[in-house]
């Protein structure tokens, strides 16, 4: 393996002849081109640069890097570079490197947008989101209409699997969170109640709070973060993989095949999970009452039975029914709106969780106001 060499000389016609010899490979110690560049920048600028590669034994990207650097250095100068003396493969690679356009994204210019323009863009984005939501809502309504007529097209096996995912698979996390919420409510209530010697009313506080609101709210938030996000991620991934386009091409409605079973499963399972959450919350209150205040188990359950009316339970079940619709609708909507990239799936999942939780809070406020107005 011969050592690479770099020599240059000027001809009487003010032509700079560059002689490259040896092995111009990255594995060798390549000669420095600083002397050559200083020669080009002298007061007597060469009119033409040529190459003599008759002594060149081998080359790789090391030679190409040197030539590209030389070309960039001579850019804007009144010097013509003739690569004709180089090997044919080197010339082809240099031509290929010259015709590849520069990526526009590599040098993005920051454009300053006025406040009015920014507000207008936000308003347009919100309006488009509302139109997309209304369009999706119409498709869902048509799918449920077909379901009632017995013409909806989806696999019953998918419905059974989603029912299991929304129901039995969620029991561990619902048990833990609901028990701890009931325990926290009992501790917070006991701080004030023990001042009056009314610790027995911990059962009233926990029972009414869990059945009327907290049970449904906690289950809704849990399912929004657990299952609603999964709906958005799965449908979004199918969007990226063009599986939804394939369903449309086959004449199958994606709303019927994907959205309908998920909305049915979530709407059916959330009220049942809410009842289970109410029970676990009461057990959390029972644990605090028995271990911290010496209240008997029978005494606690009797007080809970007297305090919790069926009206409270029905309000909680109605809330959970609404939350089931909101969580499943939002998760599927964000999945259908997902873009065609991996990052878009993450954005759709995040948006589904945030939108679901905000919707649950707003729906809870509306239901509470309506119940107060109706005297329920």
Protein backbone atom coordinates (compact mmCIF):
# COMPACT_ATOMS: atom_id res chain seq x y z
CA UNK A 1 0.00 0.00 0.00
CA UNK A 2 1.69 3.23 -1.18
CA UNK A 3 1.46 6.48 0.73
CA UNK A 4 -0.83 9.16 -0.64
CA UNK A 5 0.79 12.26 -2.07
CA UNK A 6 -0.28 15.73 -3.13
CA UNK A 7 1.88 17.99 -5.34
CA UNK A 8 1.03 21.03 -7.42
CA UNK A 9 2.74 23.38 -9.87
CA UNK A 10 1.82 26.32 -12.06
CA UNK A 11 2.16 26.26 -15.82
CA UNK A 12 3.12 29.32 -17.91
CA UNK A 13 -0.56 29.64 -18.91
CA UNK A 14 -1.48 30.34 -15.22
CA UNK A 15 -2.91 26.82 -14.86
CA UNK A 16 -2.50 25.06 -11.54
CA UNK A 17 -1.74 21.37 -12.07
CA UNK A 18 -2.50 19.18 -9.05
CA UNK A 19 -0.84 15.78 -8.92
CA UNK A 20 -2.47 13.14 -6.70
CA UNK A 21 -0.60 9.89 -6.17
CA UNK A 22 -0.59 6.79 -4.02
CA UNK A 23 -3.58 5.44 -2.06
CA UNK A 24 -6.07 8.21 -1.20
CA UNK A 25 -8.00 6.24 1.40
CA UNK A 26 -9.24 7.12 4.84
CA UNK A 27 -7.20 4.27 6.29
CA UNK A 28 -4.01 6.14 5.30
CA UNK A 29 -2.67 9.45 6.53
CA UNK A 30 -3.97 11.83 3.86
CA UNK A 31 -1.83 14.88 3.01
CA UNK A 32 -2.94 18.31 4.13
CA UNK A 33 -4.51 20.61 1.56
CA UNK A 34 -3.74 23.85 3.40
CA UNK A 35 -0.70 24.70 1.23
CA UNK A 36 -2.75 24.14 -1.90
CA UNK A 37 -5.56 26.42 -0.71
CA UNK A 38 -3.03 29.13 0.19
CA UNK A 39 -1.55 28.84 -3.29
CA UNK A 40 -4.99 29.39 -4.81
CA UNK A 41 -5.59 32.46 -2.64
CA UNK A 42 -2.37 34.20 -3.70
CA UNK A 43 -2.43 37.49 -5.57
CA UNK A 44 -2.04 35.65 -8.86
CA UNK A 45 -5.26 33.64 -8.91
CA UNK A 46 -5.02 30.61 -11.22
CA UNK A 47 -7.38 30.75 -14.18
CA UNK A 48 -7.66 26.99 -14.45
CA UNK A 49 -7.08 23.97 -12.21
CA UNK A 50 -6.40 20.53 -13.68
CA UNK A 51 -5.49 17.16 -12.21
CA UNK A 52 -2.89 14.52 -12.94
CA UNK A 53 -3.92 11.16 -11.49
CA UNK A 54 -1.63 8.83 -13.42
CA UNK A 55 0.18 7.86 -10.22
CA UNK A 56 -3.04 7.30 -8.25
CA UNK A 57 -3.16 3.69 -7.03
CA UNK A 58 -6.45 3.68 -5.09
CA UNK A 59 -9.08 6.02 -3.67
CA UNK A 60 -12.21 6.19 -1.55
CA UNK A 61 -14.27 8.94 0.08
CA UNK A 62 -11.06 10.55 1.37
CA UNK A 63 -10.25 11.76 -2.15
CA UNK A 64 -13.84 12.85 -2.74
CA UNK A 65 -13.83 14.90 0.47
CA UNK A 66 -10.65 16.67 -0.65
CA UNK A 67 -12.10 17.45 -4.09
CA UNK A 68 -15.41 18.74 -2.70
CA UNK A 69 -13.55 20.96 -0.26
CA UNK A 70 -11.45 22.31 -3.12
CA UNK A 71 -14.58 22.93 -5.20
CA UNK A 72 -16.30 24.82 -2.38
CA UNK A 73 -13.14 26.87 -1.78
CA UNK A 74 -13.04 27.96 -5.42
CA UNK A 75 -16.73 28.77 -5.57
CA UNK A 76 -17.22 32.44 -6.41
CA UNK A 77 -13.67 32.81 -7.75
CA UNK A 78 -12.76 33.27 -11.40
CA UNK A 79 -11.15 29.85 -11.52
CA UNK A 80 -12.28 26.92 -13.67
CA UNK A 81 -11.78 23.42 -12.30
CA UNK A 82 -11.29 20.62 -14.81
CA UNK A 83 -11.80 17.17 -13.29
CA UNK A 84 -10.99 15.42 -16.59
CA UNK A 85 -7.69 14.06 -15.37
CA UNK A 86 -9.31 12.10 -12.54
CA UNK A 87 -10.61 8.50 -12.77
CA UNK A 88 -14.03 8.11 -14.37
CA UNK A 89 -15.60 6.82 -11.13
CA UNK A 90 -14.45 9.91 -9.23
CA UNK A 91 -15.97 12.18 -11.88
CA UNK A 92 -19.32 10.37 -11.72
CA UNK A 93 -19.51 10.63 -7.95
CA UNK A 94 -18.65 14.33 -8.06
CA UNK A 95 -21.39 14.92 -10.63
CA UNK A 96 -23.85 12.98 -8.49
CA UNK A 97 -22.94 15.03 -5.42
CA UNK A 98 -23.48 18.22 -7.41
CA UNK A 99 -26.97 17.40 -8.66
CA UNK A 100 -28.42 16.42 -5.24
CA UNK A 101 -30.46 19.47 -4.11
CA UNK A 102 -29.97 20.87 -0.65
CA UNK A 103 -32.74 20.03 1.79
CA UNK A 104 -34.89 23.06 2.47
CA UNK A 105 -35.58 21.85 5.99
CA UNK A 106 -31.87 22.11 6.81
CA UNK A 107 -32.04 25.90 6.95
CA UNK A 108 -35.49 26.89 8.11
CA UNK A 109 -36.05 30.58 8.39
CA UNK A 110 -37.90 31.79 11.42
CA UNK A 111 -40.94 33.71 10.23
CA UNK A 112 -42.40 36.14 12.72
CA UNK A 113 -46.18 36.03 12.71
CA UNK A 114 -48.26 38.90 14.00
CA UNK A 115 -50.63 38.42 16.92
CA UNK A 116 -53.70 38.91 14.71
CA UNK A 117 -52.45 36.28 12.25
CA UNK A 118 -51.76 33.84 15.08
CA UNK A 119 -55.25 34.35 16.54
CA UNK A 120 -56.80 33.85 13.10
CA UNK A 121 -54.85 30.61 12.58
CA UNK A 122 -56.00 29.32 15.98
CA UNK A 123 -59.63 30.18 15.17
CA UNK A 124 -59.40 28.41 11.81
CA UNK A 125 -57.85 25.35 13.47
CA UNK A 126 -60.61 25.25 16.10
CA UNK A 127 -63.28 25.59 13.41
CA UNK A 128 -61.78 22.73 11.38
CA UNK A 129 -61.64 20.59 14.54
CA UNK A 130 -65.31 21.27 15.22
CA UNK A 131 -66.25 20.34 11.65
CA UNK A 132 -64.23 17.11 11.86
CA UNK A 133 -65.85 16.24 15.19
CA UNK A 134 -69.36 16.87 13.84
CA UNK A 135 -68.61 14.79 10.75
CA UNK A 136 -67.32 11.93 12.91
CA UNK A 137 -70.34 12.24 15.19
CA UNK A 138 -72.61 11.89 12.17
CA UNK A 139 -70.77 8.74 11.04
CA UNK A 140 -71.09 7.27 14.54
CA UNK A 141 -74.83 8.06 14.59
CA UNK A 142 -75.27 6.32 11.23
CA UNK A 143 -73.31 3.31 12.52
CA UNK A 144 -75.55 3.01 15.61
CA UNK A 145 -78.63 3.33 13.42
CA UNK A 146 -77.36 0.41 11.32
CA UNK A 147 -76.66 -1.50 14.55
CA UNK A 148 -80.27 -1.11 15.67
CA UNK A 149 -81.39 -2.35 12.26
CA UNK A 150 -79.01 -5.32 12.51
CA UNK A 151 -76.89 -4.27 9.53
CA UNK A 152 -73.72 -3.03 11.26
CA UNK A 153 -70.57 -4.80 10.07
CA UNK A 154 -68.11 -5.68 12.81
CA UNK A 155 -66.77 -8.88 14.32
CA UNK A 156 -68.49 -10.08 17.48
CA UNK A 157 -65.23 -11.62 18.63
CA UNK A 158 -63.65 -8.13 18.61
CA UNK A 159 -66.48 -6.87 20.79
CA UNK A 160 -65.90 -9.66 23.31
CA UNK A 161 -62.17 -8.91 23.49
CA UNK A 162 -62.78 -5.18 23.94
CA UNK A 163 -65.38 -5.90 26.64
CA UNK A 164 -62.75 -7.89 28.50
CA UNK A 165 -60.19 -5.12 28.04
CA UNK A 166 -62.60 -2.44 29.28
CA UNK A 167 -63.96 -4.57 32.11
CA UNK A 168 -62.08 -7.41 33.78
CA UNK A 169 -58.60 -6.20 32.77
CA UNK A 170 -59.25 -2.82 34.41
CA UNK A 171 -60.29 -4.22 37.80
CA UNK A 172 -56.83 -4.17 39.46
CA UNK A 173 -56.11 -0.49 38.80
CA UNK A 174 -59.71 0.51 39.58
CA UNK A 175 -59.54 -1.42 42.85
CA UNK A 176 -56.32 0.27 43.96
CA UNK A 177 -57.28 3.83 43.00
CA UNK A 178 -60.84 3.61 44.35
CA UNK A 179 -59.73 2.11 47.66
CA UNK A 180 -57.15 4.87 48.12
CA UNK A 181 -59.64 7.59 47.15
CA UNK A 182 -62.11 6.29 49.75
CA UNK A 183 -59.32 6.16 52.30
CA UNK A 184 -58.30 9.75 51.52
CA UNK A 185 -61.89 10.99 51.75
CA UNK A 186 -62.23 9.30 55.13
CA UNK A 187 -59.03 10.87 56.46
CA UNK A 188 -59.96 14.34 55.20
CA UNK A 189 -63.47 14.10 56.65
CA UNK A 190 -62.28 12.76 59.98
CA UNK A 191 -60.18 15.89 60.61
CA UNK A 192 -63.35 17.95 61.00
CA UNK A 193 -65.76 15.28 62.25
CA UNK A 194 -63.62 14.21 65.19
CA UNK A 195 -63.75 17.78 66.52
CA UNK A 196 -67.46 17.18 67.20
CA UNK A 197 -67.22 13.51 68.12
CA UNK A 198 -69.13 12.61 64.94
CA UNK A 199 -66.70 10.11 63.44
CA UNK A 200 -69.58 7.81 62.55
CA UNK A 201 -70.52 10.24 59.78
CA UNK A 202 -67.36 9.26 57.92
CA UNK A 203 -69.53 6.51 56.46
CA UNK A 204 -72.02 9.11 55.19
CA UNK A 205 -69.28 11.26 53.67
CA UNK A 206 -67.49 8.45 51.88
CA UNK A 207 -70.67 6.67 50.76
CA UNK A 208 -72.37 9.71 49.26
CA UNK A 209 -69.20 11.12 47.69
CA UNK A 210 -68.24 7.83 46.04
CA UNK A 211 -71.68 6.89 44.73
CA UNK A 212 -72.71 10.32 43.56
CA UNK A 213 -69.55 11.61 41.89
CA UNK A 214 -66.10 10.36 42.86
CA UNK A 215 -66.56 6.75 41.80
CA UNK A 216 -67.67 7.69 38.30
CA UNK A 217 -65.05 10.43 37.97
CA UNK A 218 -62.15 8.24 39.05
CA UNK A 219 -63.21 5.38 36.79
CA UNK A 220 -63.64 7.79 33.89
CA UNK A 221 -60.16 9.27 34.35
CA UNK A 222 -58.60 5.82 34.77
CA UNK A 223 -60.24 4.54 31.61
CA UNK A 224 -59.30 7.70 29.71
CA UNK A 225 -55.63 7.19 30.51
CA UNK A 226 -55.70 3.42 30.17
CA UNK A 227 -58.19 2.40 27.48
CA UNK A 228 -59.06 5.64 25.70
CA UNK A 229 -55.37 6.18 24.97
CA UNK A 230 -55.11 2.58 23.72
CA UNK A 231 -58.03 3.18 21.35
CA UNK A 232 -56.31 6.26 19.90
CA UNK A 233 -52.94 4.50 19.60
CA UNK A 234 -54.30 1.39 17.89
CA UNK A 235 -56.52 3.19 15.42
CA UNK A 236 -53.76 5.74 14.82
CA UNK A 237 -51.28 2.97 14.07
CA UNK A 238 -53.75 1.45 11.63
CA UNK A 239 -54.00 4.87 10.01
CA UNK A 240 -50.21 5.02 9.65
CA UNK A 241 -50.08 1.49 8.20
CA UNK A 242 -52.91 2.37 5.76
CA UNK A 243 -55.10 -0.39 7.15
CA UNK A 244 -58.04 2.00 7.44
CA UNK A 245 -57.63 2.90 3.77
CA UNK A 246 -57.68 -0.81 3.01
CA UNK A 247 -60.98 -1.20 4.88
CA UNK A 248 -62.52 1.63 2.86
CA UNK A 249 -61.21 0.08 -0.35
CA UNK A 250 -62.85 -3.23 0.62
CA UNK A 251 -66.17 -1.41 1.15
CA UNK A 252 -66.11 -1.72 4.96
CA UNK A 253 -66.86 1.35 7.07
CA UNK A 254 -63.99 1.94 9.55
CA UNK A 255 -66.48 3.53 11.96
CA UNK A 256 -68.62 0.39 12.00
CA UNK A 257 -65.71 -2.02 12.10
CA UNK A 258 -63.43 -0.22 14.58
CA UNK A 259 -65.32 2.51 16.44
CA UNK A 260 -68.70 0.89 17.06
CA UNK A 261 -67.51 -2.11 19.13
CA UNK A 262 -65.24 0.11 21.21
CA UNK A 263 -68.00 2.57 22.03
CA UNK A 264 -70.42 -0.24 22.89
CA UNK A 265 -67.89 -1.96 25.16
CA UNK A 266 -66.85 1.21 26.98
CA UNK A 267 -70.43 2.40 27.47
CA UNK A 268 -71.51 -0.95 28.90
CA UNK A 269 -68.51 -1.53 31.15
CA UNK A 270 -68.10 1.92 32.73
CA UNK A 271 -71.32 1.79 34.84
CA UNK A 272 -70.37 -1.67 36.11
CA UNK A 273 -66.86 -0.49 36.95
CA UNK A 274 -68.39 2.51 38.72
CA UNK A 275 -70.45 0.25 40.99
CA UNK A 276 -67.32 -1.72 41.78
CA UNK A 277 -65.42 1.52 42.40
CA UNK A 278 -68.13 2.70 44.82
CA UNK A 279 -67.75 -0.53 46.79
CA UNK A 280 -63.95 -0.27 46.93
CA UNK A 281 -64.15 3.36 48.04
CA UNK A 282 -66.51 2.41 50.87
CA UNK A 283 -64.08 -0.32 51.90
CA UNK A 284 -61.34 2.31 52.05
CA UNK A 285 -63.51 4.41 54.35
CA UNK A 286 -64.29 1.31 56.41
CA UNK A 287 -60.58 0.59 56.83
CA UNK A 288 -59.94 4.09 58.22
CA UNK A 289 -63.01 4.02 60.47
CA UNK A 290 -62.26 0.61 61.95
CA UNK A 291 -58.51 1.01 62.41
CA UNK A 292 -58.40 4.70 63.33
CA UNK A 293 -61.61 5.43 65.23
CA UNK A 294 -62.77 2.09 66.57
CA UNK A 295 -66.04 2.04 64.64
CA UNK A 296 -67.49 -1.45 64.19
CA UNK A 297 -67.94 -3.01 60.78
CA UNK A 298 -71.69 -3.55 61.21
CA UNK A 299 -72.11 -0.03 62.54
CA UNK A 300 -70.28 1.42 59.53
CA UNK A 301 -72.30 -0.55 56.99
CA UNK A 302 -75.58 0.32 58.70
CA UNK A 303 -74.71 4.02 58.63
CA UNK A 304 -73.73 3.74 54.96
CA UNK A 305 -77.00 1.98 54.16
CA UNK A 306 -79.02 4.72 55.84
CA UNK A 307 -77.06 7.57 54.22
CA UNK A 308 -76.74 6.42 50.61
CA UNK A 309 -80.01 6.71 48.72
CA UNK A 310 -80.75 5.14 45.35
CA UNK A 311 -80.84 8.65 43.88
CA UNK A 312 -77.11 9.04 44.54
CA UNK A 313 -76.38 5.71 42.91
CA UNK A 314 -78.45 6.53 39.83
CA UNK A 315 -76.73 9.91 39.45
CA UNK A 316 -73.34 8.18 39.55
CA UNK A 317 -74.42 5.54 37.05
CA UNK A 318 -75.79 8.15 34.67
CA UNK A 319 -72.52 10.09 34.95
CA UNK A 320 -70.50 6.96 34.22
CA UNK A 321 -72.67 6.23 31.18
CA UNK A 322 -71.93 9.72 29.83
CA UNK A 323 -68.23 9.35 30.64
CA UNK A 324 -68.11 6.05 28.75
CA UNK A 325 -69.47 7.73 25.64
CA UNK A 326 -67.06 10.66 25.95
CA UNK A 327 -63.93 8.57 26.55
CA UNK A 328 -64.59 6.08 23.75
CA UNK A 329 -65.73 8.77 21.31
CA UNK A 330 -62.68 10.93 22.00
CA UNK A 331 -60.20 8.06 21.80
CA UNK A 332 -61.58 6.83 18.48
CA UNK A 333 -61.87 10.36 17.08
CA UNK A 334 -58.22 11.16 17.81
CA UNK A 335 -57.19 7.83 16.33
CA UNK A 336 -59.10 8.52 13.10
CA UNK A 337 -57.59 12.02 12.95
CA UNK A 338 -54.05 10.67 13.36
CA UNK A 339 -51.44 11.63 10.79
CA UNK A 340 -49.18 9.32 8.80
CA UNK A 341 -46.09 9.28 11.04
CA UNK A 342 -44.97 7.62 14.25
CA UNK A 343 -44.89 10.96 16.09
CA UNK A 344 -48.49 11.58 15.03
CA UNK A 345 -49.56 8.45 16.92
CA UNK A 346 -48.04 9.83 20.12
CA UNK A 347 -49.71 13.19 19.54
CA UNK A 348 -53.07 11.51 18.97
CA UNK A 349 -52.70 9.47 22.16
CA UNK A 350 -51.82 12.51 24.24
CA UNK A 351 -54.67 14.52 22.74
CA UNK A 352 -57.13 11.70 23.44
CA UNK A 353 -56.22 11.57 27.14
CA UNK A 354 -56.26 15.33 27.64
CA UNK A 355 -59.52 15.82 25.75
CA UNK A 356 -61.21 12.94 27.60
CA UNK A 357 -60.26 14.25 31.05
CA UNK A 358 -61.36 17.79 30.19
CA UNK A 359 -64.64 16.43 28.82
CA UNK A 360 -65.21 14.43 32.02
CA UNK A 361 -64.66 17.50 34.20
CA UNK A 362 -66.99 19.64 32.07
CA UNK A 363 -69.65 16.93 31.98
CA UNK A 364 -69.44 16.53 35.77
CA UNK A 365 -69.98 20.25 36.25
CA UNK A 366 -72.99 20.25 33.92
CA UNK A 367 -74.56 17.19 35.57
CA UNK A 368 -74.01 18.68 39.04
CA UNK A 369 -75.68 21.95 38.03
CA UNK A 370 -78.62 20.11 36.43
CA UNK A 371 -79.09 17.90 39.50
CA UNK A 372 -79.09 20.96 41.74
CA UNK A 373 -81.59 22.74 39.50
CA UNK A 374 -83.87 19.68 39.48
CA UNK A 375 -83.50 19.15 43.20
CA UNK A 376 -82.00 15.69 42.83
